[in-house]
Amino acid sequence: MIDILMFLMLALLIATALSIFIFNDLLYIVVIFGAYSMIMSLVWQQLNSPDLAITEAAIGIGLTVLMVTVVTKVGRRPQ
C-alpha cells in the first residue's frame, strides 16, 4: 500500500513539475508550485523524515504567499 501511495505521489510531483511549462498565467504557476511543495512535504513524511516535511511545508507556504503577493502587484501575464 505504501509503495503504491509513494508511486502516486512521485507521479504527481513529475506532473506538477512538467505542468509549469504548459501555463502562461503566473498565478497558475504559483498555485502549481504550492501544490508541488505540499506533495513534496507528504513525500518527506512518508520517508519518515518529519523535520524535512515540516520545513518544506513552512517554506512552501511562505514562498507561495510571497509569490502570490508579487504576482498580484506585477501582473499575471509575462511581457
Protein backbone atom coordinates (compact mmCIF):
# COMPACT_ATOMS: atom_id res chain seq x y z
CA MET A 1 0.00 0.00 0.00
CA ILE A 2 2.80 2.41 0.88
CA ASP A 3 4.61 1.68 -2.37
CA ILE A 4 1.51 2.49 -4.42
CA LEU A 5 0.99 5.73 -2.48
CA MET A 6 4.63 6.70 -2.92
CA PHE A 7 4.48 5.94 -6.65
CA LEU A 8 1.33 8.06 -6.97
CA MET A 9 2.91 10.99 -5.11
CA LEU A 10 6.08 10.81 -7.21
CA ALA A 11 3.98 10.73 -10.39
CA LEU A 12 2.12 13.81 -9.16
CA LEU A 13 5.45 15.54 -8.50
CA ILE A 14 6.54 14.89 -12.06
CA ALA A 15 3.17 16.04 -13.38
CA THR A 16 3.27 19.29 -11.42
CA ALA A 17 6.86 19.97 -12.45
CA LEU A 18 6.02 19.48 -16.12
CA SER A 19 2.74 21.38 -15.97
CA ILE A 20 4.61 24.61 -15.21
CA PHE A 21 5.66 24.69 -18.86
CA ILE A 22 2.05 24.46 -20.09
CA PHE A 23 0.60 27.58 -18.46
CA ASN A 24 1.39 31.20 -19.29
CA ASP A 25 -0.52 32.69 -16.35
CA LEU A 26 1.86 33.39 -13.49
CA LEU A 27 -0.82 32.89 -10.83
CA TYR A 28 -1.47 29.36 -12.10
CA ILE A 29 2.24 28.64 -11.95
CA VAL A 30 2.43 29.87 -8.35
CA VAL A 31 -0.50 27.66 -7.35
CA ILE A 32 1.18 24.69 -9.03
CA PHE A 33 4.35 25.49 -7.09
CA GLY A 34 2.32 25.41 -3.87
CA ALA A 35 0.89 22.03 -4.82
CA TYR A 36 4.38 20.76 -5.62
CA SER A 37 5.60 21.88 -2.21
CA MET A 38 2.68 20.21 -0.44
CA ILE A 39 3.19 16.93 -2.29
CA MET A 40 6.92 17.08 -1.56
CA SER A 41 6.24 17.54 2.15
CA LEU A 42 3.97 14.47 2.05
CA VAL A 43 6.77 12.52 0.36
CA TRP A 44 9.18 13.53 3.12
CA GLN A 45 6.62 12.44 5.71
CA GLN A 46 6.24 9.04 4.03
CA LEU A 47 10.02 8.66 4.05
CA ASN A 48 9.95 9.06 7.87
CA SER A 49 11.60 12.45 7.86
CA PRO A 50 9.15 14.74 9.68
CA ASP A 51 11.68 17.52 10.23
CA LEU A 52 12.17 17.94 6.49
CA ALA A 53 8.41 17.64 5.91
CA ILE A 54 7.65 20.46 8.33
CA THR A 55 10.42 22.61 6.87
CA GLU A 56 9.22 22.00 3.31
CA ALA A 57 5.63 22.82 4.25
CA ALA A 58 6.57 26.01 6.10
CA ILE A 59 8.90 27.32 3.41
CA GLY A 60 6.49 26.29 0.65
CA ILE A 61 3.58 28.13 2.26
CA GLY A 62 5.70 31.21 2.93
CA LEU A 63 7.08 31.36 -0.60
CA THR A 64 3.68 30.73 -2.15
CA VAL A 65 2.13 33.62 -0.23
CA LEU A 66 5.06 35.85 -1.13
CA MET A 67 4.86 34.92 -4.82
CA VAL A 68 1.08 35.43 -4.94
CA THR A 69 1.62 38.90 -3.50
CA VAL A 70 4.27 39.69 -6.09
CA VAL A 71 2.14 38.35 -8.95
CA THR A 72 -0.82 40.48 -7.89
CA LYS A 73 1.41 43.57 -7.82
CA VAL A 74 3.29 42.86 -11.07
CA GLY A 75 0.58 41.27 -13.20
CA ARG A 76 -0.50 37.79 -14.17
CA ARG A 77 0.84 37.69 -17.72
CA PRO A 78 4.54 37.88 -18.56
CA GLN A 79 5.53 40.57 -21.01
